[in-house]
Amino acid sequence: MYFEYAALAVVLSGIVISLLYNVLTGISPVSSTFKSRKKNVKTISLDQEGIICELGGGWGALAFPLARQCPKATVVAYEISPVPWFL
């Protein structure tokens, strides 16, 4: 019984924090579409080296495919919202 309350509290806290950051930053947490991610990944060559920065990394929907596409590069995703960053 206590586990269900704790899980509910964690989920509700995450929602409240996400909404708070939405209000503070003016940016809603919307993931990029599959089509746009695919196009972004295709524009970078397999030989890419160095650092690739993704601003607004969210859940890593673009960062992980980029890391797989460019094994010689270091992919760094920045996210200011604490919920996806923490998870």
PDB file of N, CA and C in Angstrom:
ATOM      1  N   MET A   1       0.823  -1.192   0.000  1.00  0.00           N
ATOM      2  CA  MET A   1       0.000   0.000   0.000  1.00  0.00           C
ATOM      3  C   MET A   1       0.869   1.260   0.000  1.00  0.00           C
ATOM      4  N   TYR A   2       1.919   1.257   0.799  1.00  0.00           N
ATOM      5  CA  TYR A   2       2.779   2.438   0.863  1.00  0.00           C
ATOM      6  C   TYR A   2       3.551   2.633  -0.435  1.00  0.00           C
ATOM      7  N   PHE A   3       3.884   1.520  -1.099  1.00  0.00           N
ATOM      8  CA  PHE A   3       4.606   1.612  -2.372  1.00  0.00           C
ATOM      9  C   PHE A   3       3.783   2.363  -3.409  1.00  0.00           C
ATOM     10  N   GLU A   4       2.488   2.089  -3.468  1.00  0.00           N
ATOM     11  CA  GLU A   4       1.624   2.763  -4.435  1.00  0.00           C
ATOM     12  C   GLU A   4       1.569   4.269  -4.171  1.00  0.00           C
ATOM     13  N   TYR A   5       1.499   4.646  -2.885  1.00  0.00           N
ATOM     14  CA  TYR A   5       1.487   6.072  -2.538  1.00  0.00           C
ATOM     15  C   TYR A   5       2.814   6.731  -2.886  1.00  0.00           C
ATOM     16  N   ALA A   6       3.903   6.032  -2.633  1.00  0.00           N
ATOM     17  CA  ALA A   6       5.225   6.581  -2.947  1.00  0.00           C
ATOM     18  C   ALA A   6       5.389   6.741  -4.457  1.00  0.00           C
ATOM     19  N   ALA A   7       4.962   5.736  -5.221  1.00  0.00           N
ATOM     20  CA  ALA A   7       5.057   5.818  -6.683  1.00  0.00           C
ATOM     21  C   ALA A   7       4.204   6.968  -7.214  1.00  0.00           C
ATOM     22  N   LEU A   8       2.998   7.113  -6.683  1.00  0.00           N
ATOM     23  CA  LEU A   8       2.125   8.208  -7.094  1.00  0.00           C
ATOM     24  C   LEU A   8       2.748   9.561  -6.758  1.00  0.00           C
ATOM     25  N   ALA A   9       3.357   9.661  -5.589  1.00  0.00           N
ATOM     26  CA  ALA A   9       4.002  10.911  -5.181  1.00  0.00           C
ATOM     27  C   ALA A   9       5.166  11.260  -6.111  1.00  0.00           C
ATOM     28  N   VAL A  10       5.939  10.269  -6.515  1.00  0.00           N
ATOM     29  CA  VAL A  10       7.061  10.509  -7.430  1.00  0.00           C
ATOM     30  C   VAL A  10       6.556  10.972  -8.787  1.00  0.00           C
ATOM     31  N   VAL A  11       5.537  10.315  -9.299  1.00  0.00           N
ATOM     32  CA  VAL A  11       4.984  10.692 -10.607  1.00  0.00           C
ATOM     33  C   VAL A  11       4.394  12.095 -10.563  1.00  0.00           C
ATOM     34  N   LEU A  12       3.616  12.381  -9.542  1.00  0.00           N
ATOM     35  CA  LEU A  12       3.027  13.717  -9.422  1.00  0.00           C
ATOM     36  C   LEU A  12       4.097  14.795  -9.248  1.00  0.00           C
ATOM     37  N   SER A  13       5.137  14.491  -8.492  1.00  0.00           N
ATOM     38  CA  SER A  13       6.236  15.445  -8.322  1.00  0.00           C
ATOM     39  C   SER A  13       6.908  15.730  -9.662  1.00  0.00           C
ATOM     40  N   GLY A  14       7.119  14.681 -10.450  1.00  0.00           N
ATOM     41  CA  GLY A  14       7.715  14.867 -11.772  1.00  0.00           C
ATOM     42  C   GLY A  14       6.869  15.738 -12.673  1.00  0.00           C
ATOM     43  N   ILE A  15       5.571  15.543 -12.619  1.00  0.00           N
ATOM     44  CA  ILE A  15       4.657  16.356 -13.429  1.00  0.00           C
ATOM     45  C   ILE A  15       4.695  17.816 -12.989  1.00  0.00           C
ATOM     46  N   VAL A  16       4.665  18.044 -11.691  1.00  0.00           N
ATOM     47  CA  VAL A  16       4.691  19.415 -11.167  1.00  0.00           C
ATOM     48  C   VAL A  16       6.004  20.108 -11.525  1.00  0.00           C
ATOM     49  N   ILE A  17       7.119  19.402 -11.377  1.00  0.00           N
ATOM     50  CA  ILE A  17       8.419  19.989 -11.720  1.00  0.00           C
ATOM     51  C   ILE A  17       8.488  20.299 -13.208  1.00  0.00           C
ATOM     52  N   SER A  18       7.986  19.385 -14.046  1.00  0.00           N
ATOM     53  CA  SER A  18       7.986  19.626 -15.491  1.00  0.00           C
ATOM     54  C   SER A  18       7.144  20.848 -15.847  1.00  0.00           C
ATOM     55  N   LEU A  19       5.989  20.966 -15.240  1.00  0.00           N
ATOM     56  CA  LEU A  19       5.139  22.132 -15.498  1.00  0.00           C
ATOM     57  C   LEU A  19       5.796  23.420 -15.026  1.00  0.00           C
ATOM     58  N   LEU A  20       6.467  23.364 -13.881  1.00  0.00           N
ATOM     59  CA  LEU A  20       7.164  24.538 -13.362  1.00  0.00           C
ATOM     60  C   LEU A  20       8.256  24.988 -14.331  1.00  0.00           C
ATOM     61  N   TYR A  21       9.056  24.059 -14.820  1.00  0.00           N
ATOM     62  CA  TYR A  21      10.101  24.418 -15.771  1.00  0.00           C
ATOM     63  C   TYR A  21       9.513  24.869 -17.102  1.00  0.00           C
ATOM     64  N   ASN A  22       8.361  24.354 -17.457  1.00  0.00           N
ATOM     65  CA  ASN A  22       7.679  24.813 -18.657  1.00  0.00           C
ATOM     66  C   ASN A  22       7.317  26.287 -18.514  1.00  0.00           C
ATOM     67  N   VAL A  23       6.818  26.669 -17.372  1.00  0.00           N
ATOM     68  CA  VAL A  23       6.448  28.065 -17.122  1.00  0.00           C
ATOM     69  C   VAL A  23       7.701  28.939 -17.052  1.00  0.00           C
ATOM     70  N   LEU A  24       8.746  28.468 -16.371  1.00  0.00           N
ATOM     71  CA  LEU A  24       9.959  29.273 -16.196  1.00  0.00           C
ATOM     72  C   LEU A  24      10.718  29.485 -17.501  1.00  0.00           C
ATOM     73  N   THR A  25      10.812  28.457 -18.328  1.00  0.00           N
ATOM     74  CA  THR A  25      11.607  28.566 -19.552  1.00  0.00           C
ATOM     75  C   THR A  25      10.783  28.948 -20.770  1.00  0.00           C
ATOM     76  N   GLY A  26       9.473  28.722 -20.724  1.00  0.00           N
ATOM     77  CA  GLY A  26       8.626  28.999 -21.868  1.00  0.00           C
ATOM     78  C   GLY A  26       8.729  27.939 -22.950  1.00  0.00           C
ATOM     79  N   ILE A  27       9.340  26.811 -22.616  1.00  0.00           N
ATOM     80  CA  ILE A  27       9.527  25.732 -23.581  1.00  0.00           C
ATOM     81  C   ILE A  27       8.803  24.500 -23.074  1.00  0.00           C
ATOM     82  N   SER A  28       7.927  23.962 -23.897  1.00  0.00           N
ATOM     83  CA  SER A  28       7.212  22.759 -23.479  1.00  0.00           C
ATOM     84  C   SER A  28       8.028  21.519 -23.850  1.00  0.00           C
ATOM     85  N   PRO A  29       7.902  20.464 -23.066  1.00  0.00           N
ATOM     86  CA  PRO A  29       8.681  19.251 -23.323  1.00  0.00           C
ATOM     87  C   PRO A  29       8.082  18.422 -24.461  1.00  0.00           C
ATOM     88  N   VAL A  30       8.472  18.759 -25.688  1.00  0.00           N
ATOM     89  CA  VAL A  30       7.972  18.060 -26.865  1.00  0.00           C
ATOM     90  C   VAL A  30       9.148  17.386 -27.553  1.00  0.00           C
ATOM     91  N   SER A  31       9.040  16.103 -27.759  1.00  0.00           N
ATOM     92  CA  SER A  31      10.104  15.359 -28.423  1.00  0.00           C
ATOM     93  C   SER A  31      10.085  15.653 -29.920  1.00  0.00           C
ATOM     94  N   SER A  32      11.255  15.578 -30.529  1.00  0.00           N
ATOM     95  CA  SER A  32      11.324  15.768 -31.973  1.00  0.00           C
ATOM     96  C   SER A  32      10.682  14.571 -32.673  1.00  0.00           C
ATOM     97  N   THR A  33      10.214  14.795 -33.873  1.00  0.00           N
ATOM     98  CA  THR A  33       9.544  13.730 -34.611  1.00  0.00           C
ATOM     99  C   THR A  33      10.571  12.729 -35.145  1.00  0.00           C
ATOM    100  N   PHE A  34      10.088  11.540 -35.453  1.00  0.00           N
ATOM    101  CA  PHE A  34      10.962  10.512 -36.012  1.00  0.00           C
ATOM    102  C   PHE A  34      11.591  10.987 -37.316  1.00  0.00           C
ATOM    103  N   LYS A  35      10.806  11.661 -38.142  1.00  0.00           N
ATOM    104  CA  LYS A  35      11.293  12.157 -39.429  1.00  0.00           C
ATOM    105  C   LYS A  35      12.424  13.165 -39.239  1.00  0.00           C
ATOM    106  N   SER A  36      12.275  14.092 -38.305  1.00  0.00           N
ATOM    107  CA  SER A  36      13.318  15.101 -38.085  1.00  0.00           C
ATOM    108  C   SER A  36      14.574  14.480 -37.466  1.00  0.00           C
ATOM    109  N   ARG A  37      14.391  13.522 -36.564  1.00  0.00           N
ATOM    110  CA  ARG A  37      15.559  12.839 -35.983  1.00  0.00           C
ATOM    111  C   ARG A  37      16.327  12.082 -37.065  1.00  0.00           C
ATOM    112  N   LYS A  38      15.600  11.388 -37.917  1.00  0.00           N
ATOM    113  CA  LYS A  38      16.216  10.618 -38.989  1.00  0.00           C
ATOM    114  C   LYS A  38      17.008  11.535 -39.924  1.00  0.00           C
ATOM    115  N   LYS A  39      16.429  12.682 -40.264  1.00  0.00           N
ATOM    116  CA  LYS A  39      17.098  13.634 -41.147  1.00  0.00           C
ATOM    117  C   LYS A  39      18.352  14.217 -40.482  1.00  0.00           C
ATOM    118  N   ASN A  40      18.265  14.531 -39.198  1.00  0.00           N
ATOM    119  CA  ASN A  40      19.426  15.064 -38.482  1.00  0.00           C
ATOM    120  C   ASN A  40      20.557  14.053 -38.425  1.00  0.00           C
ATOM    121  N   VAL A  41      20.226  12.804 -38.164  1.00  0.00           N
ATOM    122  CA  VAL A  41      21.252  11.765 -38.072  1.00  0.00           C
ATOM    123  C   VAL A  41      21.901  11.546 -39.439  1.00  0.00           C
ATOM    124  N   LYS A  42      21.115  11.598 -40.503  1.00  0.00           N
ATOM    125  CA  LYS A  42      21.654  11.380 -41.848  1.00  0.00           C
ATOM    126  C   LYS A  42      22.590  12.501 -42.299  1.00  0.00           C
ATOM    127  N   THR A  43      22.441  13.710 -41.771  1.00  0.00           N
ATOM    128  CA  THR A  43      23.267  14.831 -42.219  1.00  0.00           C
ATOM    129  C   THR A  43      24.688  14.760 -41.673  1.00  0.00           C
ATOM    130  N   ILE A  44      24.930  13.938 -40.685  1.00  0.00           N
ATOM    131  CA  ILE A  44      26.261  13.841 -40.080  1.00  0.00           C
ATOM    132  C   ILE A  44      26.949  12.591 -40.616  1.00  0.00           C
ATOM    133  N   SER A  45      28.196  12.753 -41.031  1.00  0.00           N
ATOM    134  CA  SER A  45      28.917  11.631 -41.627  1.00  0.00           C
ATOM    135  C   SER A  45      29.349  10.621 -40.560  1.00  0.00           C
ATOM    136  N   LEU A  46      29.566   9.389 -41.013  1.00  0.00           N
ATOM    137  CA  LEU A  46      30.013   8.318 -40.114  1.00  0.00           C
ATOM    138  C   LEU A  46      31.405   8.583 -39.561  1.00  0.00           C
ATOM    139  N   ASP A  47      32.198   9.383 -40.279  1.00  0.00           N
ATOM    140  CA  ASP A  47      33.572   9.674 -39.860  1.00  0.00           C
ATOM    141  C   ASP A  47      33.664  10.866 -38.914  1.00  0.00           C
ATOM    142  N   GLN A  48      32.541  11.440 -38.541  1.00  0.00           N
ATOM    143  CA  GLN A  48      32.530  12.636 -37.697  1.00  0.00           C
ATOM    144  C   GLN A  48      33.317  12.379 -36.415  1.00  0.00           C
ATOM    145  N   GLU A  49      34.218  13.300 -36.101  1.00  0.00           N
ATOM    146  CA  GLU A  49      34.994  13.222 -34.868  1.00  0.00           C
ATOM    147  C   GLU A  49      34.769  14.497 -34.076  1.00  0.00           C
ATOM    148  N   GLY A  50      35.240  14.498 -32.849  1.00  0.00           N
ATOM    149  CA  GLY A  50      35.106  15.670 -32.005  1.00  0.00           C
ATOM    150  C   GLY A  50      33.883  15.571 -31.118  1.00  0.00           C
ATOM    151  N   ILE A  51      33.297  16.719 -30.813  1.00  0.00           N
ATOM    152  CA  ILE A  51      32.156  16.778 -29.904  1.00  0.00           C
ATOM    153  C   ILE A  51      30.927  17.252 -30.674  1.00  0.00           C
ATOM    154  N   ILE A  52      29.838  16.524 -30.535  1.00  0.00           N
ATOM    155  CA  ILE A  52      28.552  16.921 -31.096  1.00  0.00           C
ATOM    156  C   ILE A  52      27.671  17.315 -29.913  1.00  0.00           C
ATOM    157  N   CYS A  53      27.196  18.554 -29.900  1.00  0.00           N
ATOM    158  CA  CYS A  53      26.367  19.039 -28.794  1.00  0.00           C
ATOM    159  C   CYS A  53      24.909  19.094 -29.234  1.00  0.00           C
ATOM    160  N   GLU A  54      24.063  18.559 -28.381  1.00  0.00           N
ATOM    161  CA  GLU A  54      22.627  18.682 -28.611  1.00  0.00           C
ATOM    162  C   GLU A  54      22.048  19.521 -27.479  1.00  0.00           C
ATOM    163  N   LEU A  55      21.448  20.626 -27.840  1.00  0.00           N
ATOM    164  CA  LEU A  55      20.838  21.493 -26.834  1.00  0.00           C
ATOM    165  C   LEU A  55      19.377  21.120 -26.693  1.00  0.00           C
ATOM    166  N   GLY A  56      18.933  20.925 -25.470  1.00  0.00           N
ATOM    167  CA  GLY A  56      17.569  20.474 -25.227  1.00  0.00           C
ATOM    168  C   GLY A  56      17.458  18.984 -25.494  1.00  0.00           C
ATOM    169  N   GLY A  57      18.367  18.222 -24.916  1.00  0.00           N
ATOM    170  CA  GLY A  57      18.460  16.788 -25.169  1.00  0.00           C
ATOM    171  C   GLY A  57      17.271  15.977 -24.721  1.00  0.00           C
ATOM    172  N   GLY A  58      16.518  16.481 -23.774  1.00  0.00           N
ATOM    173  CA  GLY A  58      15.328  15.766 -23.303  1.00  0.00           C
ATOM    174  C   GLY A  58      15.626  14.352 -22.863  1.00  0.00           C
ATOM    175  N   TRP A  59      14.962  13.393 -23.471  1.00  0.00           N
ATOM    176  CA  TRP A  59      15.111  11.978 -23.109  1.00  0.00           C
ATOM    177  C   TRP A  59      16.191  11.290 -23.930  1.00  0.00           C
ATOM    178  N   GLY A  60      16.875  12.029 -24.796  1.00  0.00           N
ATOM    179  CA  GLY A  60      17.947  11.446 -25.592  1.00  0.00           C
ATOM    180  C   GLY A  60      17.496  10.856 -26.905  1.00  0.00           C
ATOM    181  N   ALA A  61      16.329  11.264 -27.387  1.00  0.00           N
ATOM    182  CA  ALA A  61      15.776  10.706 -28.628  1.00  0.00           C
ATOM    183  C   ALA A  61      16.662  10.983 -29.834  1.00  0.00           C
ATOM    184  N   LEU A  62      17.435  12.039 -29.792  1.00  0.00           N
ATOM    185  CA  LEU A  62      18.375  12.329 -30.873  1.00  0.00           C
ATOM    186  C   LEU A  62      19.806  11.982 -30.472  1.00  0.00           C
ATOM    187  N   ALA A  63      20.156  12.176 -29.217  1.00  0.00           N
ATOM    188  CA  ALA A  63      21.534  11.942 -28.775  1.00  0.00           C
ATOM    189  C   ALA A  63      21.956  10.484 -28.925  1.00  0.00           C
ATOM    190  N   PHE A  64      21.102   9.550 -28.571  1.00  0.00           N
ATOM    191  CA  PHE A  64      21.474   8.135 -28.658  1.00  0.00           C
ATOM    192  C   PHE A  64      21.669   7.678 -30.112  1.00  0.00           C
ATOM    193  N   PRO A  65      20.754   8.019 -31.041  1.00  0.00           N
ATOM    194  CA  PRO A  65      21.022   7.659 -32.438  1.00  0.00           C
ATOM    195  C   PRO A  65      22.283   8.318 -33.001  1.00  0.00           C
ATOM    196  N   LEU A  66      22.547   9.570 -32.598  1.00  0.00           N
ATOM    197  CA  LEU A  66      23.770  10.231 -33.048  1.00  0.00           C
ATOM    198  C   LEU A  66      25.004   9.508 -32.531  1.00  0.00           C
ATOM    199  N   ALA A  67      24.970   9.074 -31.287  1.00  0.00           N
ATOM    200  CA  ALA A  67      26.108   8.348 -30.714  1.00  0.00           C
ATOM    201  C   ALA A  67      26.337   7.025 -31.444  1.00  0.00           C
ATOM    202  N   ARG A  68      25.255   6.350 -31.830  1.00  0.00           N
ATOM    203  CA  ARG A  68      25.401   5.100 -32.594  1.00  0.00           C
ATOM    204  C   ARG A  68      25.918   5.378 -34.005  1.00  0.00           C
ATOM    205  N   GLN A  69      25.451   6.466 -34.626  1.00  0.00           N
ATOM    206  CA  GLN A  69      25.839   6.821 -35.991  1.00  0.00           C
ATOM    207  C   GLN A  69      27.300   7.256 -36.076  1.00  0.00           C
ATOM    208  N   CYS A  70      27.796   7.921 -35.035  1.00  0.00           N
ATOM    209  CA  CYS A  70      29.142   8.503 -35.061  1.00  0.00           C
ATOM    210  C   CYS A  70      29.972   7.964 -33.900  1.00  0.00           C
ATOM    211  N   PRO A  71      30.489   6.748 -34.010  1.00  0.00           N
ATOM    212  CA  PRO A  71      31.216   6.156 -32.885  1.00  0.00           C
ATOM    213  C   PRO A  71      32.524   6.861 -32.545  1.00  0.00           C
ATOM    214  N   LYS A  72      33.076   7.644 -33.471  1.00  0.00           N
ATOM    215  CA  LYS A  72      34.332   8.355 -33.210  1.00  0.00           C
ATOM    216  C   LYS A  72      34.106   9.686 -32.492  1.00  0.00           C
ATOM    217  N   ALA A  73      32.876  10.141 -32.460  1.00  0.00           N
ATOM    218  CA  ALA A  73      32.548  11.435 -31.848  1.00  0.00           C
ATOM    219  C   ALA A  73      32.018  11.237 -30.435  1.00  0.00           C
ATOM    220  N   THR A  74      32.097  12.296 -29.665  1.00  0.00           N
ATOM    221  CA  THR A  74      31.497  12.332 -28.338  1.00  0.00           C
ATOM    222  C   THR A  74      30.226  13.170 -28.434  1.00  0.00           C
ATOM    223  N   VAL A  75      29.095  12.569 -28.086  1.00  0.00           N
ATOM    224  CA  VAL A  75      27.827  13.280 -28.145  1.00  0.00           C
ATOM    225  C   VAL A  75      27.488  13.758 -26.731  1.00  0.00           C
ATOM    226  N   VAL A  76      27.263  15.062 -26.602  1.00  0.00           N
ATOM    227  CA  VAL A  76      26.916  15.659 -25.321  1.00  0.00           C
ATOM    228  C   VAL A  76      25.548  16.311 -25.468  1.00  0.00           C
ATOM    229  N   ALA A  77      24.592  15.864 -24.664  1.00  0.00           N
ATOM    230  CA  ALA A  77      23.243  16.422 -24.712  1.00  0.00           C
ATOM    231  C   ALA A  77      23.017  17.255 -23.453  1.00  0.00           C
ATOM    232  N   TYR A  78      22.568  18.474 -23.636  1.00  0.00           N
ATOM    233  CA  TYR A  78      22.281  19.375 -22.522  1.00  0.00           C
ATOM    234  C   TYR A  78      20.776  19.462 -22.322  1.00  0.00           C
ATOM    235  N   GLU A  79      20.367  19.405 -21.067  1.00  0.00           N
ATOM    236  CA  GLU A  79      18.948  19.513 -20.718  1.00  0.00           C
ATOM    237  C   GLU A  79      18.840  20.262 -19.402  1.00  0.00           C
ATOM    238  N   ILE A  80      17.967  21.282 -19.345  1.00  0.00           N
ATOM    239  CA  ILE A  80      17.832  22.034 -18.103  1.00  0.00           C
ATOM    240  C   ILE A  80      16.664  21.563 -17.244  1.00  0.00           C
ATOM    241  N   SER A  81      15.723  20.866 -17.855  1.00  0.00           N
ATOM    242  CA  SER A  81      14.607  20.346 -17.066  1.00  0.00           C
ATOM    243  C   SER A  81      15.103  19.167 -16.232  1.00  0.00           C
ATOM    244  N   PRO A  82      14.881  19.174 -14.926  1.00  0.00           N
ATOM    245  CA  PRO A  82      15.480  18.157 -14.063  1.00  0.00           C
ATOM    246  C   PRO A  82      14.883  16.762 -14.204  1.00  0.00           C
ATOM    247  N   VAL A  83      13.657  16.626 -14.665  1.00  0.00           N
ATOM    248  CA  VAL A  83      13.027  15.301 -14.707  1.00  0.00           C
ATOM    249  C   VAL A  83      13.703  14.399 -15.742  1.00  0.00           C
ATOM    250  N   PRO A  84      13.779  14.767 -17.023  1.00  0.00           N
ATOM    251  CA  PRO A  84      14.482  13.880 -17.958  1.00  0.00           C
ATOM    252  C   PRO A  84      15.970  13.790 -17.645  1.00  0.00           C
ATOM    253  N   TRP A  85      16.554  14.872 -17.170  1.00  0.00           N
ATOM    254  CA  TRP A  85      17.982  14.852 -16.821  1.00  0.00           C
ATOM    255  C   TRP A  85      18.247  13.826 -15.731  1.00  0.00           C
ATOM    256  N   PHE A  86      17.412  13.816 -14.718  1.00  0.00           N
ATOM    257  CA  PHE A  86      17.600  12.881 -13.596  1.00  0.00           C
ATOM    258  C   PHE A  86      17.395  11.438 -14.019  1.00  0.00           C
ATOM    259  N   LEU A  87      16.380  11.205 -14.842  1.00  0.00           N
ATOM    260  CA  LEU A  87      16.082   9.835 -15.269  1.00  0.00           C
ATOM    261  C   LEU A  87      17.066   9.374 -16.317  1.00  0.00           C
TER     262      LEU A  87
END
